[in-house]
C-alpha cells in the first residue's frame, strides 16, 4: 500500500451526513474484524459511503480525503493476497476525518 503524506488530516464533525459516513465505515470495519472479507470488499467497491452525504453538507476536502482512504482500503483487499490489516488502517484513517482532533 502506498504511504499517504503525514500532514494532519482535516476533520469535520458537524452533520448528519458525517454521522452516516462514520456508521458506514464502522459497518465495513466490523466486516473486516469478523473476517467477512468478501462483504468488506463489495462495500468498498461501491459508493455506499456517500449515501446521505448531500452536496455541501460535508466539506469537499473531507469527502476527497475520505475517498482516498476508502480507495486505499479497497486496493488492499483487491490484492492477490488481501491485506485486511492495511484495509482496516485506511478505514480508521478515513473515520478520523470526522472526529475532533483527527
Protein backbone atom coordinates (compact mmCIF):
# COMPACT_ATOMS: atom_id res chain seq x y z
CA UNK A 1 0.00 0.00 0.00
CA UNK A 2 1.35 3.43 -0.90
CA UNK A 3 2.02 5.64 2.11
CA UNK A 4 -0.03 8.80 2.39
CA UNK A 5 1.50 12.16 3.32
CA UNK A 6 1.87 12.64 7.06
CA UNK A 7 0.08 16.00 7.19
CA UNK A 8 -2.64 16.03 9.83
CA UNK A 9 -5.94 15.06 8.21
CA UNK A 10 -8.69 17.65 8.01
CA UNK A 11 -11.58 16.89 10.33
CA UNK A 12 -15.29 17.56 10.26
CA UNK A 13 -17.77 16.58 12.92
CA UNK A 14 -20.80 18.71 12.20
CA UNK A 15 -23.51 16.99 10.16
CA UNK A 16 -25.86 14.05 9.91
CA UNK A 17 -24.10 13.17 6.65
CA UNK A 18 -20.82 12.83 8.53
CA UNK A 19 -22.53 10.60 11.06
CA UNK A 20 -23.88 8.36 8.30
CA UNK A 21 -20.44 8.07 6.72
CA UNK A 22 -18.94 7.07 10.08
CA UNK A 23 -21.69 4.46 10.54
CA UNK A 24 -20.91 3.05 7.08
CA UNK A 25 -17.18 2.93 7.88
CA UNK A 26 -17.95 1.18 11.18
CA UNK A 27 -20.00 -1.46 9.36
CA UNK A 28 -17.14 -2.19 6.96
CA UNK A 29 -14.66 -2.30 9.85
CA UNK A 30 -16.92 -4.81 11.58
CA UNK A 31 -16.96 -6.95 8.42
CA UNK A 32 -13.16 -6.92 8.41
CA UNK A 33 -12.85 -7.74 12.11
CA UNK A 34 -15.30 -10.62 11.73
CA UNK A 35 -13.33 -11.87 8.69
CA UNK A 36 -16.08 -11.15 6.18
CA UNK A 37 -13.52 -10.03 3.60
CA UNK A 38 -15.85 -10.51 0.60
CA UNK A 39 -18.54 -8.34 2.20
CA UNK A 40 -16.00 -5.63 3.03
CA UNK A 41 -14.53 -5.77 -0.49
CA UNK A 42 -18.00 -5.46 -2.02
CA UNK A 43 -18.88 -2.48 0.17
CA UNK A 44 -15.60 -0.73 -0.62
CA UNK A 45 -16.04 -1.19 -4.36
CA UNK A 46 -19.39 0.62 -4.29
CA UNK A 47 -20.24 4.20 -3.47
CA UNK A 48 -22.41 3.41 -0.42
CA UNK A 49 -20.26 5.54 1.82
CA UNK A 50 -21.60 8.61 0.01
CA UNK A 51 -25.23 7.74 0.80
CA UNK A 52 -26.55 10.61 2.85
CA UNK A 53 -23.57 12.85 2.07
CA UNK A 54 -25.62 15.60 0.42
CA UNK A 55 -23.58 18.09 -1.60
CA UNK A 56 -22.47 20.90 0.65
CA UNK A 57 -23.21 19.07 3.90
CA UNK A 58 -19.62 17.82 4.23
CA UNK A 59 -16.69 19.98 3.10
CA UNK A 60 -15.28 18.80 -0.25
CA UNK A 61 -11.77 18.37 1.18
CA UNK A 62 -13.15 15.95 3.79
CA UNK A 63 -15.03 13.96 1.16
CA UNK A 64 -11.91 13.80 -1.01
CA UNK A 65 -9.67 12.71 1.88
CA UNK A 66 -12.24 10.07 2.84
CA UNK A 67 -12.50 8.83 -0.75
CA UNK A 68 -8.70 8.47 -0.98
CA UNK A 69 -8.61 6.38 2.20
CA UNK A 70 -11.51 4.21 1.05
CA UNK A 71 -9.72 3.69 -2.27
CA UNK A 72 -6.61 2.55 -0.36
CA UNK A 73 -8.71 0.12 1.68
CA UNK A 74 -10.34 -1.27 -1.46
CA UNK A 75 -6.92 -1.70 -3.10
CA UNK A 76 -5.65 -3.59 -0.05
CA UNK A 77 -8.48 -6.10 -0.44
CA UNK A 78 -8.08 -6.42 -4.21
CA UNK A 79 -4.51 -7.71 -3.95
CA UNK A 80 -3.94 -11.39 -4.78
CA UNK A 81 -3.26 -11.89 -1.07
CA UNK A 82 -5.74 -9.44 0.55
CA UNK A 83 -4.49 -7.40 3.47
CA UNK A 84 -7.36 -6.81 5.92
CA UNK A 85 -4.96 -5.06 8.30
CA UNK A 86 -3.99 -2.47 5.69
CA UNK A 87 -7.65 -2.02 4.76
CA UNK A 88 -8.58 -1.53 8.41
CA UNK A 89 -5.82 1.04 8.89
CA UNK A 90 -7.02 3.02 5.85
CA UNK A 91 -10.63 2.92 7.08
CA UNK A 92 -9.66 4.08 10.55
CA UNK A 93 -7.83 6.99 8.95
CA UNK A 94 -10.94 7.77 6.87
CA UNK A 95 -13.01 7.67 10.05
CA UNK A 96 -10.61 10.07 11.76
CA UNK A 97 -11.60 12.81 9.30
CA UNK A 98 -14.92 13.03 11.15
CA UNK A 99 -13.60 13.15 14.69
CA UNK A 100 -12.42 16.20 16.59
CA UNK A 101 -8.66 16.17 16.84
CA UNK A 102 -8.36 13.88 13.78
